[in-house]
Amino acid sequence: MAEGTEIDQEGVRGNRKWAFCERLWIARSSQTFVVSIMANIAEGFERARQSEFHQFLSIAKSSCAELRSHLYVAQDAKYVDTSMFNELMSLAQEVSLVLGGLRSAVQRRRAERESHGR
């Protein structure tokens, strides 16, 4: 894993004159993941079938993982301080846990309905 973050760091740092663009890119990408998480939950909820809701919850959880990855890159590049990193990472982990729990509940409900022939 260390090699991967070193490679990411070289890619993120690049030329220092691009530092502002790099920060902006990480911020915009992170915002995109946050919006994607919310949108996938909403879209999945609006679908008629539990299997689709489950699928969209999985996609939302994956977006949460991508957000956490971006947070590590931002911390390594010193775009966020330790306090901000810890706060954001804690929130991202909490959201991931909630999504995992909701996904499990939807799966259990799907299994119950299938066992009752619905």
C-alpha atoms as a PDB file:
ATOM      1  CA  MET A   1       0.000   0.000   0.000  1.00  0.00           C
ATOM      2  CA  ALA A   2       2.860   2.384   0.744  1.00  0.00           C
ATOM      3  CA  GLU A   3       4.099   2.123  -2.837  1.00  0.00           C
ATOM      4  CA  GLY A   4       0.655   3.047  -4.133  1.00  0.00           C
ATOM      5  CA  THR A   5       0.474   6.187  -2.030  1.00  0.00           C
ATOM      6  CA  GLU A   6       4.011   7.157  -3.056  1.00  0.00           C
ATOM      7  CA  ILE A   7       3.010   6.843  -6.692  1.00  0.00           C
ATOM      8  CA  ASP A   8      -0.135   8.877  -5.979  1.00  0.00           C
ATOM      9  CA  GLN A   9       1.965  11.515  -4.239  1.00  0.00           C
ATOM     10  CA  GLU A  10       4.273  11.906  -7.211  1.00  0.00           C
ATOM     11  CA  GLY A  11       1.253  12.232  -9.461  1.00  0.00           C
ATOM     12  CA  VAL A  12      -0.467  14.685  -7.138  1.00  0.00           C
ATOM     13  CA  ARG A  13       2.568  16.838  -6.413  1.00  0.00           C
ATOM     14  CA  GLY A  14       3.992  16.997  -9.900  1.00  0.00           C
ATOM     15  CA  ASN A  15       5.006  20.541 -10.528  1.00  0.00           C
ATOM     16  CA  ARG A  16       4.422  22.871  -7.550  1.00  0.00           C
ATOM     17  CA  LYS A  17       2.978  25.594  -9.778  1.00  0.00           C
ATOM     18  CA  TRP A  18      -0.039  23.316 -10.197  1.00  0.00           C
ATOM     19  CA  ALA A  19      -0.662  23.083  -6.428  1.00  0.00           C
ATOM     20  CA  PHE A  20      -3.824  25.185  -6.552  1.00  0.00           C
ATOM     21  CA  CYS A  21      -5.239  23.088  -9.399  1.00  0.00           C
ATOM     22  CA  GLU A  22      -4.392  19.905  -7.513  1.00  0.00           C
ATOM     23  CA  ARG A  23      -6.209  21.118  -4.404  1.00  0.00           C
ATOM     24  CA  LEU A  24      -9.164  22.183  -6.484  1.00  0.00           C
ATOM     25  CA  TRP A  25      -9.223  18.815  -8.256  1.00  0.00           C
ATOM     26  CA  ILE A  26      -9.235  16.876  -4.959  1.00  0.00           C
ATOM     27  CA  ALA A  27     -11.931  19.151  -3.516  1.00  0.00           C
ATOM     28  CA  ARG A  28     -14.147  18.812  -6.588  1.00  0.00           C
ATOM     29  CA  SER A  29     -13.606  15.068  -6.817  1.00  0.00           C
ATOM     30  CA  SER A  30     -14.472  14.691  -3.140  1.00  0.00           C
ATOM     31  CA  GLN A  31     -17.622  16.769  -3.602  1.00  0.00           C
ATOM     32  CA  THR A  32     -18.559  14.560  -6.540  1.00  0.00           C
ATOM     33  CA  PHE A  33     -18.255  11.449  -4.369  1.00  0.00           C
ATOM     34  CA  VAL A  34     -20.385  13.000  -1.614  1.00  0.00           C
ATOM     35  CA  VAL A  35     -23.097  13.945  -4.106  1.00  0.00           C
ATOM     36  CA  SER A  36     -22.833  10.495  -5.709  1.00  0.00           C
ATOM     37  CA  ILE A  37     -23.397   8.809  -2.353  1.00  0.00           C
ATOM     38  CA  MET A  38     -26.581  10.800  -1.752  1.00  0.00           C
ATOM     39  CA  ALA A  39     -27.825  10.429  -5.324  1.00  0.00           C
ATOM     40  CA  ASN A  40     -27.329   6.663  -5.378  1.00  0.00           C
ATOM     41  CA  ILE A  41     -29.228   6.222  -2.125  1.00  0.00           C
ATOM     42  CA  ALA A  42     -32.097   8.316  -3.482  1.00  0.00           C
ATOM     43  CA  GLU A  43     -32.141   6.613  -6.871  1.00  0.00           C
ATOM     44  CA  GLY A  44     -32.021   3.145  -5.357  1.00  0.00           C
ATOM     45  CA  PHE A  45     -34.807   3.981  -2.925  1.00  0.00           C
ATOM     46  CA  GLU A  46     -37.032   5.119  -5.777  1.00  0.00           C
ATOM     47  CA  ARG A  47     -36.566   1.865  -7.670  1.00  0.00           C
ATOM     48  CA  ALA A  48     -39.389  -0.625  -7.446  1.00  0.00           C
ATOM     49  CA  ARG A  49     -37.300  -3.647  -6.450  1.00  0.00           C
ATOM     50  CA  GLN A  50     -35.276  -4.409  -3.331  1.00  0.00           C
ATOM     51  CA  SER A  51     -32.510  -5.879  -5.487  1.00  0.00           C
ATOM     52  CA  GLU A  52     -32.034  -2.530  -7.211  1.00  0.00           C
ATOM     53  CA  PHE A  53     -32.028  -0.651  -3.899  1.00  0.00           C
ATOM     54  CA  HIS A  54     -29.369  -3.052  -2.660  1.00  0.00           C
ATOM     55  CA  GLN A  55     -27.309  -2.476  -5.804  1.00  0.00           C
ATOM     56  CA  PHE A  56     -27.467   1.308  -5.468  1.00  0.00           C
ATOM     57  CA  LEU A  57     -26.532   1.102  -1.785  1.00  0.00           C
ATOM     58  CA  SER A  58     -23.481  -0.899  -2.864  1.00  0.00           C
ATOM     59  CA  ILE A  59     -22.570   1.796  -5.366  1.00  0.00           C
ATOM     60  CA  ALA A  60     -23.002   4.486  -2.695  1.00  0.00           C
ATOM     61  CA  LYS A  61     -20.751   2.520  -0.324  1.00  0.00           C
ATOM     62  CA  SER A  62     -18.137   2.272  -3.080  1.00  0.00           C
ATOM     63  CA  SER A  63     -18.269   6.039  -3.581  1.00  0.00           C
ATOM     64  CA  CYS A  64     -17.656   6.376   0.143  1.00  0.00           C
ATOM     65  CA  ALA A  65     -14.523   4.238  -0.229  1.00  0.00           C
ATOM     66  CA  GLU A  66     -13.331   6.484  -3.063  1.00  0.00           C
ATOM     67  CA  LEU A  67     -13.887   9.530  -0.859  1.00  0.00           C
ATOM     68  CA  ARG A  68     -11.778   7.974   1.911  1.00  0.00           C
ATOM     69  CA  SER A  69      -9.040   7.277  -0.617  1.00  0.00           C
ATOM     70  CA  HIS A  70      -9.075  10.927  -1.689  1.00  0.00           C
ATOM     71  CA  LEU A  71      -8.846  11.973   1.943  1.00  0.00           C
ATOM     72  CA  TYR A  72      -5.633   9.953   2.326  1.00  0.00           C
ATOM     73  CA  VAL A  73      -4.176  11.591  -0.771  1.00  0.00           C
ATOM     74  CA  ALA A  74      -5.183  15.039   0.523  1.00  0.00           C
ATOM     75  CA  GLN A  75      -3.600  14.340   3.904  1.00  0.00           C
ATOM     76  CA  ASP A  76      -0.387  12.974   2.394  1.00  0.00           C
ATOM     77  CA  ALA A  77      -0.109  16.036   0.157  1.00  0.00           C
ATOM     78  CA  LYS A  78      -0.771  18.242   3.218  1.00  0.00           C
ATOM     79  CA  TYR A  79      -3.907  19.749   1.681  1.00  0.00           C
ATOM     80  CA  VAL A  80      -5.759  19.095   4.944  1.00  0.00           C
ATOM     81  CA  ASP A  81      -4.389  19.183   8.469  1.00  0.00           C
ATOM     82  CA  THR A  82      -4.586  16.219  10.803  1.00  0.00           C
ATOM     83  CA  SER A  83      -7.611  17.554  12.655  1.00  0.00           C
ATOM     84  CA  MET A  84      -9.629  18.083   9.475  1.00  0.00           C
ATOM     85  CA  PHE A  85      -8.523  14.726   8.094  1.00  0.00           C
ATOM     86  CA  ASN A  86      -9.601  12.930  11.273  1.00  0.00           C
ATOM     87  CA  GLU A  87     -12.976  14.678  11.314  1.00  0.00           C
ATOM     88  CA  LEU A  88     -13.718  13.979   7.651  1.00  0.00           C
ATOM     89  CA  MET A  89     -12.429  10.408   7.827  1.00  0.00           C
ATOM     90  CA  SER A  90     -14.565   9.722  10.893  1.00  0.00           C
ATOM     91  CA  LEU A  91     -17.659  10.984   9.074  1.00  0.00           C
ATOM     92  CA  ALA A  92     -16.827   8.974   5.945  1.00  0.00           C
ATOM     93  CA  GLN A  93     -16.311   5.812   8.003  1.00  0.00           C
ATOM     94  CA  GLU A  94     -19.588   6.377   9.844  1.00  0.00           C
ATOM     95  CA  VAL A  95     -21.468   6.822   6.565  1.00  0.00           C
ATOM     96  CA  SER A  96     -19.862   3.654   5.236  1.00  0.00           C
ATOM     97  CA  LEU A  97     -20.950   1.704   8.318  1.00  0.00           C
ATOM     98  CA  VAL A  98     -24.509   3.025   8.063  1.00  0.00           C
ATOM     99  CA  LEU A  99     -24.634   2.142   4.361  1.00  0.00           C
ATOM    100  CA  GLY A 100     -23.303  -1.331   5.119  1.00  0.00           C
ATOM    101  CA  GLY A 101     -25.950  -1.833   7.788  1.00  0.00           C
ATOM    102  CA  LEU A 102     -28.725  -0.604   5.532  1.00  0.00           C
ATOM    103  CA  ARG A 103     -27.488  -2.806   2.714  1.00  0.00           C
ATOM    104  CA  SER A 104     -27.502  -5.824   5.050  1.00  0.00           C
ATOM    105  CA  ALA A 105     -31.045  -5.022   6.212  1.00  0.00           C
ATOM    106  CA  VAL A 106     -32.244  -4.784   2.607  1.00  0.00           C
ATOM    107  CA  GLN A 107     -30.557  -8.109   1.839  1.00  0.00           C
ATOM    108  CA  ARG A 108     -32.229  -9.776   4.842  1.00  0.00           C
ATOM    109  CA  ARG A 109     -35.591  -8.416   3.779  1.00  0.00           C
ATOM    110  CA  ARG A 110     -35.045  -9.687   0.237  1.00  0.00           C
ATOM    111  CA  ALA A 111     -34.163 -13.129   1.585  1.00  0.00           C
ATOM    112  CA  GLU A 112     -37.259 -13.186   3.812  1.00  0.00           C
ATOM    113  CA  ARG A 113     -39.528 -12.259   0.916  1.00  0.00           C
ATOM    114  CA  GLU A 114     -37.960 -14.904  -1.315  1.00  0.00           C
ATOM    115  CA  SER A 115     -38.375 -17.566   1.359  1.00  0.00           C
ATOM    116  CA  HIS A 116     -42.064 -16.666   1.663  1.00  0.00           C
ATOM    117  CA  GLY A 117     -42.572 -16.877  -2.095  1.00  0.00           C
ATOM    118  CA  ARG A 118     -43.192 -13.176  -2.748  1.00  0.00           C
END
